[in-house]
Amino acid sequence: MAGQTPALMTIGQFATLTRLSVKALHLYAGTGLLTPAWVDHDTGYRYYRPEQAARARQIRLLRLAGMPLPGIAAFLADPRVSRFDAFSGEEARREAEQARRRRYVRRVIVSIYAEGEEPMDTTMTVETKTVPAQPYLSERKTVTIGELEPFIVGTIGKLVDRAGDRAAGAPFTLFWEPVNDEAAGSVEVCLPVSGDGERDGELPAGPVAWVMTLGEQTEFPAILGAYEAIERWMKDQGREMAGPPREIYHSGPDDPEPRMEIAWPLRG
């Protein structure tokens, strides 16, 4: 080591050179992004080579753009402008989604607390009906909130192909478990079918409480208002749920406004 020491920098010196904190350098070493050139196993001191500063600056630059550490590792392994552009596009979509959620939350807060502003109409009309038994084809999976829409859209296409001319109504999704920002959940995407052929399940006949949502109401998190409306209605009416809620998709890709029914089966 004696002959190599002059070519190395202490972690403090390297932190000053790269304008990264010692804590950040420890983190990057632990993830394999930027490992020390040498570690003194007697003292635990870490040393870096001056030429490692270029990689450190790249990491700092990518962190400035908000790129997560796994993304930085992938980018540095294959540094292409197109890879960074793909990350930027995904970040823009994520930021737009967060902005949309904040606008919705603000409208709800205004409807509850604000004075002198137009309140948001958060009421939804809950109705009841009796539905017949309905066989269906389906595919079930545990998904995160980010995976939910792609899974639903992709699965509906596959089920339509499976059903052929037996398709017999609007596709729907059974939510066996909640799916939200905190947890993934099990969902089953279904397509009603007719006849005595192949089936994966059957909705039982019986009463349901339902709400029709339109436009922005069909998007998360606004759609939660429909579920909450039905839950309040069941509590007020002394009714109990008899199974998982379902979202029924009444609009197609060419319709000017999405229409989605939230239905919850009832006991009795």
Protein backbone atom coordinates (compact mmCIF):
# COMPACT_ATOMS: atom_id res chain seq x y z
CA MET A 1 0.00 0.00 0.00
CA ALA A 2 2.89 2.37 0.74
CA GLY A 3 3.70 2.83 -2.92
CA GLN A 4 0.02 3.38 -3.84
CA THR A 5 -1.03 5.86 -1.15
CA PRO A 6 -0.02 9.06 -3.02
CA ALA A 7 -2.30 8.07 -5.93
CA LEU A 8 -5.32 7.72 -3.64
CA MET A 9 -7.57 10.21 -1.88
CA THR A 10 -9.30 9.83 1.47
CA ILE A 11 -13.08 9.71 1.39
CA GLY A 12 -13.17 13.24 2.82
CA GLN A 13 -10.90 14.58 0.09
CA PHE A 14 -12.90 12.77 -2.57
CA ALA A 15 -16.16 14.14 -1.15
CA THR A 16 -14.78 17.68 -1.40
CA LEU A 17 -13.57 17.11 -4.96
CA THR A 18 -16.88 15.67 -6.18
CA ARG A 19 -19.21 17.78 -3.97
CA LEU A 20 -20.84 14.61 -2.69
CA SER A 21 -21.38 13.96 0.99
CA VAL A 22 -19.52 11.19 2.79
CA LYS A 23 -22.94 9.66 3.55
CA ALA A 24 -23.78 9.61 -0.18
CA LEU A 25 -20.44 7.98 -1.00
CA HIS A 26 -21.14 5.26 1.56
CA LEU A 27 -24.57 4.72 -0.03
CA TYR A 28 -23.16 4.51 -3.55
CA ALA A 29 -20.47 2.10 -2.39
CA GLY A 30 -23.08 -0.11 -0.74
CA THR A 31 -25.14 -0.31 -3.93
CA GLY A 32 -22.10 -0.92 -6.13
CA LEU A 33 -22.50 2.34 -8.03
CA LEU A 34 -19.18 3.79 -6.90
CA THR A 35 -16.94 1.50 -4.89
CA PRO A 36 -13.72 2.71 -3.24
CA ALA A 37 -10.48 1.91 -5.00
CA TRP A 38 -9.10 0.50 -1.75
CA VAL A 39 -10.32 -0.11 1.79
CA ASP A 40 -7.88 -0.41 4.70
CA HIS A 41 -9.21 -3.49 6.47
CA ASP A 42 -7.38 -2.57 9.68
CA THR A 43 -8.95 0.90 10.01
CA GLY A 44 -11.95 0.68 7.68
CA TYR A 45 -10.81 3.86 5.93
CA ARG A 46 -11.88 4.17 2.30
CA TYR A 47 -9.75 5.59 -0.50
CA TYR A 48 -10.64 6.69 -4.02
CA ARG A 49 -8.66 7.39 -7.16
CA PRO A 50 -8.93 10.89 -8.70
CA GLU A 51 -10.12 9.41 -12.00
CA GLN A 52 -13.24 8.08 -10.21
CA ALA A 53 -14.42 11.69 -9.89
CA ALA A 54 -15.87 11.63 -13.43
CA ARG A 55 -18.23 8.77 -12.54
CA ALA A 56 -19.11 10.46 -9.25
CA ARG A 57 -20.09 13.65 -11.10
CA GLN A 58 -22.24 11.64 -13.51
CA ILE A 59 -24.05 10.05 -10.57
CA ARG A 60 -24.58 13.46 -8.95
CA LEU A 61 -25.93 14.86 -12.24
CA LEU A 62 -28.39 11.98 -12.71
CA ARG A 63 -29.54 12.26 -9.10
CA LEU A 64 -30.17 15.94 -9.76
CA ALA A 65 -32.60 14.84 -12.49
CA GLY A 66 -34.40 12.61 -9.97
CA MET A 67 -33.21 9.29 -11.38
CA PRO A 68 -33.35 6.45 -8.81
CA LEU A 69 -30.20 4.48 -8.04
CA PRO A 70 -31.19 1.35 -10.03
CA GLY A 71 -31.90 3.58 -13.02
CA ILE A 72 -28.51 5.26 -12.66
CA ALA A 73 -26.79 1.87 -12.58
CA ALA A 74 -28.63 0.83 -15.77
CA PHE A 75 -27.82 4.11 -17.49
CA LEU A 76 -24.10 4.04 -16.62
CA ALA A 77 -23.92 0.44 -17.84
CA ASP A 78 -25.36 1.55 -21.20
CA PRO A 79 -25.22 5.37 -21.40
CA ARG A 80 -27.50 6.36 -24.26
CA VAL A 81 -29.47 9.57 -24.71
CA SER A 82 -32.56 7.53 -25.60
CA ARG A 83 -32.39 5.78 -22.22
CA PHE A 84 -32.36 9.14 -20.42
CA ASP A 85 -35.20 10.42 -22.63
CA ALA A 86 -37.28 7.36 -21.73
CA PHE A 87 -36.70 8.10 -18.04
CA SER A 88 -37.64 11.77 -18.56
CA GLY A 89 -40.86 10.81 -20.32
CA GLU A 90 -41.85 8.46 -17.52
CA GLU A 91 -41.07 11.13 -14.93
CA ALA A 92 -43.22 13.64 -16.83
CA ARG A 93 -46.14 11.20 -16.85
CA ARG A 94 -45.68 10.52 -13.14
CA GLU A 95 -45.56 14.24 -12.34
CA ALA A 96 -48.69 14.87 -14.43
CA GLU A 97 -50.50 12.11 -12.54
CA GLN A 98 -49.44 13.58 -9.20
CA ALA A 99 -50.61 17.02 -10.32
CA ARG A 100 -53.99 15.57 -11.33
CA ARG A 101 -54.33 13.88 -7.94
CA ARG A 102 -53.46 17.11 -6.12
CA ARG A 103 -56.15 18.97 -8.10
CA TYR A 104 -58.71 16.35 -7.11
CA VAL A 105 -57.69 16.42 -3.44
CA ARG A 106 -57.87 20.22 -3.42
CA ARG A 107 -61.41 20.13 -4.82
CA VAL A 108 -62.43 17.75 -2.05
CA ILE A 109 -60.75 19.94 0.60
CA VAL A 110 -62.48 23.02 -0.81
CA SER A 111 -65.83 21.24 -0.61
CA ILE A 112 -65.22 20.53 3.08
CA TYR A 113 -63.34 23.51 4.47
CA ALA A 114 -63.13 26.51 2.14
CA GLU A 115 -65.24 29.64 2.44
CA GLY A 116 -66.00 31.85 -0.52
CA GLU A 117 -65.11 29.20 -3.13
CA GLU A 118 -67.39 27.07 -5.26
CA PRO A 119 -67.71 23.71 -3.46
CA MET A 120 -67.18 20.46 -5.30
CA ASP A 121 -70.24 18.26 -5.75
CA THR A 122 -69.01 15.00 -4.22
CA THR A 123 -72.44 13.35 -4.11
CA MET A 124 -73.10 10.30 -6.26
CA THR A 125 -76.47 8.66 -6.75
CA VAL A 126 -76.56 5.06 -5.54
CA GLU A 127 -79.19 2.84 -7.12
CA THR A 128 -80.08 -0.84 -6.82
CA LYS A 129 -81.03 -3.49 -9.35
CA THR A 130 -81.25 -7.25 -9.63
CA VAL A 131 -78.85 -8.90 -12.07
CA PRO A 132 -79.08 -12.41 -13.57
CA ALA A 133 -76.37 -15.05 -13.22
CA GLN A 134 -73.61 -14.46 -15.75
CA PRO A 135 -70.84 -16.88 -16.83
CA TYR A 136 -67.53 -15.32 -17.79
CA LEU A 137 -63.98 -15.88 -18.98
CA SER A 138 -61.30 -14.31 -16.82
CA GLU A 139 -57.68 -13.85 -15.81
CA ARG A 140 -56.64 -13.08 -12.24
CA LYS A 141 -53.45 -11.41 -11.00
CA THR A 142 -52.02 -9.45 -8.06
CA VAL A 143 -51.11 -5.97 -9.31
CA THR A 144 -49.92 -2.59 -8.04
CA ILE A 145 -51.84 0.60 -8.78
CA GLY A 146 -49.40 1.36 -11.61
CA GLU A 147 -49.87 -2.10 -13.15
CA LEU A 148 -53.67 -2.11 -12.84
CA GLU A 149 -54.76 -0.26 -15.99
CA PRO A 150 -52.27 -1.98 -18.36
CA PHE A 151 -53.32 -5.37 -16.97
CA ILE A 152 -57.02 -4.60 -17.43
CA VAL A 153 -56.63 -3.26 -20.97
CA GLY A 154 -54.32 -6.06 -22.11
CA THR A 155 -56.41 -8.80 -20.55
CA ILE A 156 -59.68 -7.58 -22.06
CA GLY A 157 -58.12 -7.90 -25.50
CA LYS A 158 -57.00 -11.46 -24.80
CA LEU A 159 -60.41 -12.43 -23.41
CA VAL A 160 -62.20 -11.00 -26.45
CA ASP A 161 -60.01 -13.19 -28.66
CA ARG A 162 -60.78 -16.25 -26.50
CA ALA A 163 -64.51 -15.60 -26.46
CA GLY A 164 -65.00 -15.01 -30.17
CA ASP A 165 -68.71 -14.76 -30.97
CA ARG A 166 -69.61 -15.89 -27.43
CA ALA A 167 -68.81 -12.44 -25.95
CA ALA A 168 -72.02 -11.32 -24.28
CA GLY A 169 -71.65 -7.96 -22.59
CA ALA A 170 -69.41 -5.28 -21.13
CA PRO A 171 -66.11 -6.46 -19.62
CA PHE A 172 -65.61 -5.96 -15.90
CA THR A 173 -63.03 -6.34 -13.14
CA LEU A 174 -63.61 -8.03 -9.78
CA PHE A 175 -61.55 -6.47 -6.99
CA TRP A 176 -60.84 -9.34 -4.62
CA GLU A 177 -58.45 -7.11 -2.67
CA PRO A 178 -57.95 -3.32 -2.53
CA VAL A 179 -55.41 -1.87 -4.97
CA ASN A 180 -53.97 1.49 -3.95
CA ASP A 181 -50.75 3.46 -3.44
CA GLU A 182 -49.94 1.49 -0.28
CA ALA A 183 -50.52 -2.09 -1.41
CA ALA A 184 -50.94 -4.40 -4.37
CA GLY A 185 -54.11 -6.47 -4.59
CA SER A 186 -55.70 -9.39 -6.40
CA VAL A 187 -58.02 -8.49 -9.30
CA GLU A 188 -59.86 -10.61 -11.85
CA VAL A 189 -60.56 -9.18 -15.30
CA CYS A 190 -63.66 -10.80 -16.79
CA LEU A 191 -65.66 -10.95 -20.02
CA PRO A 192 -69.29 -12.20 -20.01
CA VAL A 193 -69.95 -15.10 -22.38
CA SER A 194 -73.04 -16.92 -23.57
CA GLY A 195 -73.74 -20.57 -24.27
CA ASP A 196 -72.48 -23.76 -22.69
CA GLY A 197 -68.84 -23.51 -23.74
CA GLU A 198 -65.70 -22.72 -21.78
CA ARG A 199 -66.04 -20.53 -18.69
CA ASP A 200 -63.77 -19.53 -15.79
CA GLY A 201 -66.49 -18.43 -13.38
CA GLU A 202 -70.03 -17.18 -12.96
CA LEU A 203 -71.46 -14.10 -11.29
CA PRO A 204 -74.36 -15.14 -9.06
CA ALA A 205 -77.81 -13.67 -9.62
CA GLY A 206 -78.99 -11.19 -7.02
CA PRO A 207 -79.26 -7.55 -5.98
CA VAL A 208 -76.44 -5.04 -6.42
CA ALA A 209 -75.91 -1.43 -5.38
CA TRP A 210 -74.38 0.58 -8.19
CA VAL A 211 -73.12 4.00 -9.25
CA MET A 212 -72.40 5.21 -12.79
CA THR A 213 -69.26 7.34 -13.14
CA LEU A 214 -68.42 9.57 -16.10
CA GLY A 215 -65.31 11.30 -17.43
CA GLU A 216 -62.83 12.28 -14.73
CA GLN A 217 -64.91 10.40 -12.15
CA THR A 218 -63.63 7.15 -13.68
CA GLU A 219 -59.98 7.99 -12.92
CA PHE A 220 -58.02 7.25 -9.76
CA PRO A 221 -58.32 8.71 -7.13
CA ALA A 222 -61.70 10.28 -8.05
CA ILE A 223 -63.16 6.80 -8.58
CA LEU A 224 -62.77 6.16 -4.85
CA GLY A 225 -65.71 8.52 -4.32
CA ALA A 226 -68.03 5.99 -5.98
CA TYR A 227 -66.89 3.20 -3.67
CA GLU A 228 -67.28 5.47 -0.66
CA ALA A 229 -70.79 6.47 -1.79
CA ILE A 230 -71.89 2.82 -1.97
CA GLU A 231 -70.28 2.03 1.38
CA ARG A 232 -72.14 4.97 3.00
CA TRP A 233 -75.39 3.88 1.36
CA MET A 234 -75.01 0.30 2.64
CA LYS A 235 -74.34 1.58 6.15
CA ASP A 236 -77.34 3.94 6.05
CA GLN A 237 -79.63 1.24 4.64
CA GLY A 238 -78.38 -1.52 6.92
CA ARG A 239 -77.30 -3.64 3.95
CA GLU A 240 -74.28 -5.95 3.75
CA MET A 241 -71.98 -6.76 0.85
CA ALA A 242 -72.16 -10.28 -0.58
CA GLY A 243 -68.93 -10.37 -2.56
CA PRO A 244 -66.19 -8.27 -4.14
CA PRO A 245 -67.03 -5.00 -5.89
CA ARG A 246 -66.71 -4.81 -9.65
CA GLU A 247 -65.99 -2.14 -12.22
CA ILE A 248 -68.00 -2.54 -15.44
CA TYR A 249 -66.64 -0.78 -18.53
CA HIS A 250 -69.55 0.52 -20.63
CA SER A 251 -67.53 2.72 -23.01
CA GLY A 252 -65.19 1.82 -25.83
CA PRO A 253 -62.05 3.51 -27.18
CA ASP A 254 -64.09 5.57 -29.68
CA ASP A 255 -66.55 6.98 -27.13
CA PRO A 256 -66.05 10.69 -26.34
CA GLU A 257 -66.36 10.15 -22.58
CA PRO A 258 -65.56 7.08 -20.47
CA ARG A 259 -68.48 5.50 -18.59
CA MET A 260 -67.80 3.03 -15.80
CA GLU A 261 -70.26 1.40 -13.43
CA ILE A 262 -69.25 0.49 -9.89
CA ALA A 263 -71.42 -2.38 -8.62
CA TRP A 264 -71.39 -4.12 -5.25
CA PRO A 265 -73.40 -7.32 -4.66
CA LEU A 266 -75.77 -7.23 -1.69
CA ARG A 267 -76.99 -9.90 0.69
CA GLY A 268 -80.69 -10.64 0.46
